């Protein structure tokens, strides 16, 4: 069981790192390719999906880490 959770945690960590690196801090996805608005905007489309996916992956990562800690402390 620990091996499966360890593999799941590795996959989640790679996906989480990718999702974080795809986000461009302080600018929209459009400014990555040259356009810059410089004002407040709401996330739309892929940016909104990427933000939501990052949050979900972060929660999953913490949940799997807590499960691994619990299992290793019990010695199962």
PDB file of N, CA and C in Angstrom:
ATOM      1  N   UNK A   1       0.820  -1.189   0.000  1.00  0.00           N
ATOM      2  CA  UNK A   1       0.000   0.000   0.000  1.00  0.00           C
ATOM      3  C   UNK A   1       0.871   1.263   0.000  1.00  0.00           C
ATOM      4  N   UNK A   2       1.958   1.194   0.749  1.00  0.00           N
ATOM      5  CA  UNK A   2       2.857   2.351   0.805  1.00  0.00           C
ATOM      6  C   UNK A   2       3.507   2.619  -0.544  1.00  0.00           C
ATOM      7  N   UNK A   3       3.840   1.555  -1.276  1.00  0.00           N
ATOM      8  CA  UNK A   3       4.461   1.730  -2.591  1.00  0.00           C
ATOM      9  C   UNK A   3       3.502   2.412  -3.560  1.00  0.00           C
ATOM     10  N   UNK A   4       2.240   2.019  -3.514  1.00  0.00           N
ATOM     11  CA  UNK A   4       1.243   2.632  -4.393  1.00  0.00           C
ATOM     12  C   UNK A   4       1.078   4.109  -4.055  1.00  0.00           C
ATOM     13  N   UNK A   5       0.967   4.426  -2.769  1.00  0.00           N
ATOM     14  CA  UNK A   5       0.826   5.826  -2.360  1.00  0.00           C
ATOM     15  C   UNK A   5       2.069   6.639  -2.694  1.00  0.00           C
ATOM     16  N   UNK A   6       3.227   6.026  -2.601  1.00  0.00           N
ATOM     17  CA  UNK A   6       4.456   6.728  -2.954  1.00  0.00           C
ATOM     18  C   UNK A   6       4.487   7.059  -4.446  1.00  0.00           C
ATOM     19  N   UNK A   7       4.083   6.114  -5.272  1.00  0.00           N
ATOM     20  CA  UNK A   7       4.035   6.362  -6.715  1.00  0.00           C
ATOM     21  C   UNK A   7       3.005   7.433  -7.044  1.00  0.00           C
ATOM     22  N   UNK A   8       1.845   7.368  -6.392  1.00  0.00           N
ATOM     23  CA  UNK A   8       0.805   8.379  -6.602  1.00  0.00           C
ATOM     24  C   UNK A   8       1.321   9.757  -6.196  1.00  0.00           C
ATOM     25  N   UNK A   9       2.040   9.826  -5.093  1.00  0.00           N
ATOM     26  CA  UNK A   9       2.570  11.113  -4.636  1.00  0.00           C
ATOM     27  C   UNK A   9       3.615  11.666  -5.609  1.00  0.00           C
ATOM     28  N   UNK A  10       4.425  10.821  -6.180  1.00  0.00           N
ATOM     29  CA  UNK A  10       5.412  11.268  -7.165  1.00  0.00           C
ATOM     30  C   UNK A  10       4.719  11.826  -8.403  1.00  0.00           C
ATOM     31  N   UNK A  11       3.692  11.124  -8.881  1.00  0.00           N
ATOM     32  CA  UNK A  11       2.950  11.601 -10.057  1.00  0.00           C
ATOM     33  C   UNK A  11       2.275  12.932  -9.761  1.00  0.00           C
ATOM     34  N   UNK A  12       1.638  13.039  -8.590  1.00  0.00           N
ATOM     35  CA  UNK A  12       0.973  14.291  -8.215  1.00  0.00           C
ATOM     36  C   UNK A  12       1.991  15.420  -8.088  1.00  0.00           C
ATOM     37  N   UNK A  13       3.168  15.131  -7.533  1.00  0.00           N
ATOM     38  CA  UNK A  13       4.166  16.186  -7.362  1.00  0.00           C
ATOM     39  C   UNK A  13       4.681  16.701  -8.705  1.00  0.00           C
ATOM     40  N   UNK A  14       4.843  15.805  -9.681  1.00  0.00           N
ATOM     41  CA  UNK A  14       5.278  16.238 -11.014  1.00  0.00           C
ATOM     42  C   UNK A  14       4.197  17.088 -11.673  1.00  0.00           C
ATOM     43  N   UNK A  15       2.941  16.655 -11.571  1.00  0.00           N
ATOM     44  CA  UNK A  15       1.844  17.438 -12.135  1.00  0.00           C
ATOM     45  C   UNK A  15       1.690  18.787 -11.447  1.00  0.00           C
ATOM     46  N   UNK A  16       1.872  18.812 -10.124  1.00  0.00           N
ATOM     47  CA  UNK A  16       1.770  20.061  -9.372  1.00  0.00           C
ATOM     48  C   UNK A  16       2.886  21.030  -9.758  1.00  0.00           C
ATOM     49  N   UNK A  17       4.090  20.534  -9.876  1.00  0.00           N
ATOM     50  CA  UNK A  17       5.204  21.395 -10.279  1.00  0.00           C
ATOM     51  C   UNK A  17       4.984  21.943 -11.685  1.00  0.00           C
ATOM     52  N   UNK A  18       4.472  21.117 -12.577  1.00  0.00           N
ATOM     53  CA  UNK A  18       4.185  21.574 -13.938  1.00  0.00           C
ATOM     54  C   UNK A  18       3.101  22.646 -13.939  1.00  0.00           C
ATOM     55  N   UNK A  19       2.057  22.443 -13.160  1.00  0.00           N
ATOM     56  CA  UNK A  19       0.968  23.420 -13.096  1.00  0.00           C
ATOM     57  C   UNK A  19       1.450  24.746 -12.521  1.00  0.00           C
ATOM     58  N   UNK A  20       2.320  24.696 -11.534  1.00  0.00           N
ATOM     59  CA  UNK A  20       2.846  25.925 -10.938  1.00  0.00           C
ATOM     60  C   UNK A  20       3.752  26.652 -11.923  1.00  0.00           C
ATOM     61  N   UNK A  21       4.590  25.908 -12.614  1.00  0.00           N
ATOM     62  CA  UNK A  21       5.508  26.542 -13.559  1.00  0.00           C
ATOM     63  C   UNK A  21       4.799  27.123 -14.783  1.00  0.00           C
ATOM     64  N   UNK A  22       3.642  26.585 -15.136  1.00  0.00           N
ATOM     65  CA  UNK A  22       2.898  27.114 -16.265  1.00  0.00           C
ATOM     66  C   UNK A  22       2.224  28.456 -15.945  1.00  0.00           C
ATOM     67  N   UNK A  23       2.047  28.732 -14.662  1.00  0.00           N
ATOM     68  CA  UNK A  23       1.421  29.994 -14.283  1.00  0.00           C
ATOM     69  C   UNK A  23       2.459  31.101 -14.335  1.00  0.00           C
ATOM     70  N   UNK A  24       2.040  32.246 -14.854  1.00  0.00           N
ATOM     71  CA  UNK A  24       2.926  33.394 -14.956  1.00  0.00           C
ATOM     72  C   UNK A  24       2.514  34.407 -13.905  1.00  0.00           C
ATOM     73  N   UNK A  25       3.279  34.572 -12.870  1.00  0.00           N
ATOM     74  CA  UNK A  25       2.904  35.422 -11.742  1.00  0.00           C
ATOM     75  C   UNK A  25       2.780  36.886 -12.160  1.00  0.00           C
ATOM     76  N   UNK A  26       1.653  37.489 -11.772  1.00  0.00           N
ATOM     77  CA  UNK A  26       1.453  38.906 -11.992  1.00  0.00           C
ATOM     78  C   UNK A  26       1.013  39.272 -13.393  1.00  0.00           C
ATOM     79  N   UNK A  27       0.764  38.296 -14.225  1.00  0.00           N
ATOM     80  CA  UNK A  27       0.341  38.598 -15.590  1.00  0.00           C
ATOM     81  C   UNK A  27      -0.525  37.477 -16.109  1.00  0.00           C
ATOM     82  N   UNK A  28      -1.336  37.784 -17.074  1.00  0.00           N
ATOM     83  CA  UNK A  28      -2.204  36.793 -17.672  1.00  0.00           C
ATOM     84  C   UNK A  28      -1.434  35.926 -18.652  1.00  0.00           C
ATOM     85  N   UNK A  29      -2.096  34.921 -19.120  1.00  0.00           N
ATOM     86  CA  UNK A  29      -1.464  34.015 -20.075  1.00  0.00           C
ATOM     87  C   UNK A  29      -1.157  34.731 -21.378  1.00  0.00           C
ATOM     88  N   UNK A  30      -1.934  35.750 -21.701  1.00  0.00           N
ATOM     89  CA  UNK A  30      -1.693  36.508 -22.924  1.00  0.00           C
ATOM     90  C   UNK A  30      -0.382  37.265 -22.905  1.00  0.00           C
ATOM     91  N   UNK A  31       0.043  37.734 -21.738  1.00  0.00           N
ATOM     92  CA  UNK A  31       1.298  38.479 -21.661  1.00  0.00           C
ATOM     93  C   UNK A  31       2.510  37.577 -21.831  1.00  0.00           C
ATOM     94  N   UNK A  32       2.301  36.266 -21.686  1.00  0.00           N
ATOM     95  CA  UNK A  32       3.388  35.328 -21.927  1.00  0.00           C
ATOM     96  C   UNK A  32       3.835  35.413 -23.374  1.00  0.00           C
ATOM     97  N   UNK A  33       2.896  35.713 -24.240  1.00  0.00           N
ATOM     98  CA  UNK A  33       3.189  35.758 -25.668  1.00  0.00           C
ATOM     99  C   UNK A  33       3.297  37.187 -26.189  1.00  0.00           C
ATOM    100  N   UNK A  34       3.486  38.171 -25.322  1.00  0.00           N
ATOM    101  CA  UNK A  34       3.768  39.522 -25.783  1.00  0.00           C
ATOM    102  C   UNK A  34       2.768  40.586 -25.386  1.00  0.00           C
ATOM    103  N   UNK A  35       1.524  40.259 -25.144  1.00  0.00           N
ATOM    104  CA  UNK A  35       0.533  41.272 -24.780  1.00  0.00           C
ATOM    105  C   UNK A  35       0.517  41.502 -23.280  1.00  0.00           C
ATOM    106  N   UNK A  36       0.370  42.760 -22.863  1.00  0.00           N
ATOM    107  CA  UNK A  36       0.352  43.061 -21.436  1.00  0.00           C
ATOM    108  C   UNK A  36      -0.711  44.099 -21.150  1.00  0.00           C
ATOM    109  N   UNK A  37      -1.657  43.772 -20.291  1.00  0.00           N
ATOM    110  CA  UNK A  37      -2.736  44.678 -19.945  1.00  0.00           C
ATOM    111  C   UNK A  37      -2.333  45.579 -18.780  1.00  0.00           C
ATOM    112  N   UNK A  38      -1.720  45.007 -17.758  1.00  0.00           N
ATOM    113  CA  UNK A  38      -1.230  45.784 -16.627  1.00  0.00           C
ATOM    114  C   UNK A  38      -2.277  46.115 -15.583  1.00  0.00           C
ATOM    115  N   UNK A  39      -3.499  45.666 -15.742  1.00  0.00           N
ATOM    116  CA  UNK A  39      -4.558  45.962 -14.791  1.00  0.00           C
ATOM    117  C   UNK A  39      -5.153  44.702 -14.201  1.00  0.00           C
ATOM    118  N   UNK A  40      -6.242  44.889 -13.467  1.00  0.00           N
ATOM    119  CA  UNK A  40      -6.914  43.751 -12.846  1.00  0.00           C
ATOM    120  C   UNK A  40      -7.764  43.022 -13.880  1.00  0.00           C
ATOM    121  N   UNK A  41      -7.789  41.735 -13.806  1.00  0.00           N
ATOM    122  CA  UNK A  41      -8.599  40.945 -14.713  1.00  0.00           C
ATOM    123  C   UNK A  41      -9.060  39.696 -13.985  1.00  0.00           C
ATOM    124  N   UNK A  42     -10.049  39.042 -14.534  1.00  0.00           N
ATOM    125  CA  UNK A  42     -10.496  37.768 -13.983  1.00  0.00           C
ATOM    126  C   UNK A  42      -9.917  36.643 -14.820  1.00  0.00           C
ATOM    127  N   UNK A  43      -9.664  35.543 -14.154  1.00  0.00           N
ATOM    128  CA  UNK A  43      -9.117  34.389 -14.860  1.00  0.00           C
ATOM    129  C   UNK A  43     -10.208  33.774 -15.730  1.00  0.00           C
ATOM    130  N   UNK A  44      -9.852  33.447 -16.946  1.00  0.00           N
ATOM    131  CA  UNK A  44     -10.794  32.828 -17.868  1.00  0.00           C
ATOM    132  C   UNK A  44     -10.119  31.689 -18.606  1.00  0.00           C
ATOM    133  N   UNK A  45     -10.935  30.756 -19.037  1.00  0.00           N
ATOM    134  CA  UNK A  45     -10.446  29.671 -19.876  1.00  0.00           C
ATOM    135  C   UNK A  45      -9.373  28.819 -19.223  1.00  0.00           C
ATOM    136  N   UNK A  46      -8.258  28.707 -19.920  1.00  0.00           N
ATOM    137  CA  UNK A  46      -7.173  27.833 -19.472  1.00  0.00           C
ATOM    138  C   UNK A  46      -6.562  28.306 -18.152  1.00  0.00           C
ATOM    139  N   UNK A  47      -6.477  29.623 -17.944  1.00  0.00           N
ATOM    140  CA  UNK A  47      -5.915  30.140 -16.688  1.00  0.00           C
ATOM    141  C   UNK A  47      -6.756  29.718 -15.496  1.00  0.00           C
ATOM    142  N   UNK A  48      -8.075  29.766 -15.653  1.00  0.00           N
ATOM    143  CA  UNK A  48      -8.965  29.368 -14.565  1.00  0.00           C
ATOM    144  C   UNK A  48      -8.827  27.870 -14.291  1.00  0.00           C
ATOM    145  N   UNK A  49      -8.770  27.087 -15.371  1.00  0.00           N
ATOM    146  CA  UNK A  49      -8.586  25.648 -15.221  1.00  0.00           C
ATOM    147  C   UNK A  49      -7.258  25.335 -14.542  1.00  0.00           C
ATOM    148  N   UNK A  50      -6.193  26.013 -14.958  1.00  0.00           N
ATOM    149  CA  UNK A  50      -4.869  25.779 -14.396  1.00  0.00           C
ATOM    150  C   UNK A  50      -4.824  26.140 -12.917  1.00  0.00           C
ATOM    151  N   UNK A  51      -5.475  27.243 -12.548  1.00  0.00           N
ATOM    152  CA  UNK A  51      -5.523  27.654 -11.139  1.00  0.00           C
ATOM    153  C   UNK A  51      -6.282  26.618 -10.313  1.00  0.00           C
ATOM    154  N   UNK A  52      -7.438  26.188 -10.806  1.00  0.00           N
ATOM    155  CA  UNK A  52      -8.234  25.190 -10.081  1.00  0.00           C
ATOM    156  C   UNK A  52      -7.483  23.864  -9.969  1.00  0.00           C
ATOM    157  N   UNK A  53      -6.829  23.469 -11.049  1.00  0.00           N
ATOM    158  CA  UNK A  53      -6.068  22.217 -11.037  1.00  0.00           C
ATOM    159  C   UNK A  53      -4.920  22.289 -10.033  1.00  0.00           C
ATOM    160  N   UNK A  54      -4.285  23.453  -9.924  1.00  0.00           N
ATOM    161  CA  UNK A  54      -3.196  23.619  -8.967  1.00  0.00           C
ATOM    162  C   UNK A  54      -3.692  23.457  -7.541  1.00  0.00           C
ATOM    163  N   UNK A  55      -4.843  24.044  -7.250  1.00  0.00           N
ATOM    164  CA  UNK A  55      -5.417  23.928  -5.903  1.00  0.00           C
ATOM    165  C   UNK A  55      -5.777  22.475  -5.600  1.00  0.00           C
ATOM    166  N   UNK A  56      -6.426  21.803  -6.542  1.00  0.00           N
ATOM    167  CA  UNK A  56      -6.827  20.409  -6.338  1.00  0.00           C
ATOM    168  C   UNK A  56      -5.600  19.515  -6.172  1.00  0.00           C
ATOM    169  N   UNK A  57      -4.591  19.714  -7.005  1.00  0.00           N
ATOM    170  CA  UNK A  57      -3.367  18.907  -6.888  1.00  0.00           C
ATOM    171  C   UNK A  57      -2.653  19.158  -5.566  1.00  0.00           C
ATOM    172  N   UNK A  58      -2.663  20.394  -5.094  1.00  0.00           N
ATOM    173  CA  UNK A  58      -2.048  20.695  -3.801  1.00  0.00           C
ATOM    174  C   UNK A  58      -2.756  19.998  -2.656  1.00  0.00           C
ATOM    175  N   UNK A  59      -4.086  19.998  -2.684  1.00  0.00           N
ATOM    176  CA  UNK A  59      -4.856  19.318  -1.639  1.00  0.00           C
ATOM    177  C   UNK A  59      -4.618  17.810  -1.706  1.00  0.00           C
ATOM    178  N   UNK A  60      -4.606  17.255  -2.917  1.00  0.00           N
ATOM    179  CA  UNK A  60      -4.328  15.829  -3.064  1.00  0.00           C
ATOM    180  C   UNK A  60      -2.933  15.467  -2.565  1.00  0.00           C
ATOM    181  N   UNK A  61      -1.954  16.319  -2.871  1.00  0.00           N
ATOM    182  CA  UNK A  61      -0.589  16.072  -2.422  1.00  0.00           C
ATOM    183  C   UNK A  61      -0.523  16.027  -0.894  1.00  0.00           C
ATOM    184  N   UNK A  62      -1.171  16.984  -0.251  1.00  0.00           N
ATOM    185  CA  UNK A  62      -1.175  17.001   1.218  1.00  0.00           C
ATOM    186  C   UNK A  62      -1.909  15.791   1.785  1.00  0.00           C
ATOM    187  N   UNK A  63      -3.006  15.392   1.148  1.00  0.00           N
ATOM    188  CA  UNK A  63      -3.753  14.228   1.621  1.00  0.00           C
ATOM    189  C   UNK A  63      -2.953  12.941   1.518  1.00  0.00           C
ATOM    190  N   UNK A  64      -2.277  12.760   0.388  1.00  0.00           N
ATOM    191  CA  UNK A  64      -1.451  11.558   0.217  1.00  0.00           C
ATOM    192  C   UNK A  64      -0.273  11.580   1.184  1.00  0.00           C
ATOM    193  N   UNK A  65       0.317  12.749   1.396  1.00  0.00           N
ATOM    194  CA  UNK A  65       1.433  12.851   2.345  1.00  0.00           C
ATOM    195  C   UNK A  65       0.972  12.499   3.759  1.00  0.00           C
ATOM    196  N   UNK A  66      -0.205  12.990   4.147  1.00  0.00           N
ATOM    197  CA  UNK A  66      -0.739  12.668   5.474  1.00  0.00           C
ATOM    198  C   UNK A  66      -1.033  11.177   5.594  1.00  0.00           C
ATOM    199  N   UNK A  67      -1.555  10.575   4.538  1.00  0.00           N
ATOM    200  CA  UNK A  67      -1.827   9.134   4.560  1.00  0.00           C
ATOM    201  C   UNK A  67      -0.540   8.333   4.683  1.00  0.00           C
ATOM    202  N   UNK A  68       0.498   8.753   3.977  1.00  0.00           N
ATOM    203  CA  UNK A  68       1.788   8.055   4.074  1.00  0.00           C
ATOM    204  C   UNK A  68       2.377   8.184   5.475  1.00  0.00           C
ATOM    205  N   UNK A  69       2.280   9.365   6.057  1.00  0.00           N
ATOM    206  CA  UNK A  69       2.784   9.552   7.424  1.00  0.00           C
ATOM    207  C   UNK A  69       2.023   8.663   8.391  1.00  0.00           C
ATOM    208  N   UNK A  70       0.707   8.597   8.239  1.00  0.00           N
ATOM    209  CA  UNK A  70      -0.117   7.770   9.110  1.00  0.00           C
ATOM    210  C   UNK A  70       0.239   6.289   8.976  1.00  0.00           C
ATOM    211  N   UNK A  71       0.388   5.841   7.725  1.00  0.00           N
ATOM    212  CA  UNK A  71       0.703   4.425   7.514  1.00  0.00           C
ATOM    213  C   UNK A  71       2.091   4.063   8.017  1.00  0.00           C
ATOM    214  N   UNK A  72       3.064   4.928   7.811  1.00  0.00           N
ATOM    215  CA  UNK A  72       4.412   4.600   8.275  1.00  0.00           C
ATOM    216  C   UNK A  72       4.535   4.676   9.792  1.00  0.00           C
ATOM    217  N   UNK A  73       3.733   5.527  10.429  1.00  0.00           N
ATOM    218  CA  UNK A  73       3.794   5.596  11.895  1.00  0.00           C
ATOM    219  C   UNK A  73       3.138   4.384  12.547  1.00  0.00           C
ATOM    220  N   UNK A  74       2.151   3.796  11.868  1.00  0.00           N
ATOM    221  CA  UNK A  74       1.497   2.592  12.393  1.00  0.00           C
ATOM    222  C   UNK A  74       2.312   1.344  12.092  1.00  0.00           C
ATOM    223  N   UNK A  75       3.209   1.418  11.112  1.00  0.00           N
ATOM    224  CA  UNK A  75       4.017   0.273  10.752  1.00  0.00           C
ATOM    225  C   UNK A  75       3.267  -0.766   9.949  1.00  0.00           C
ATOM    226  N   UNK A  76       2.267  -0.322   9.194  1.00  0.00           N
ATOM    227  CA  UNK A  76       1.458  -1.252   8.396  1.00  0.00           C
ATOM    228  C   UNK A  76       2.196  -1.657   7.160  1.00  0.00           C
TER     229      UNK A  76
END
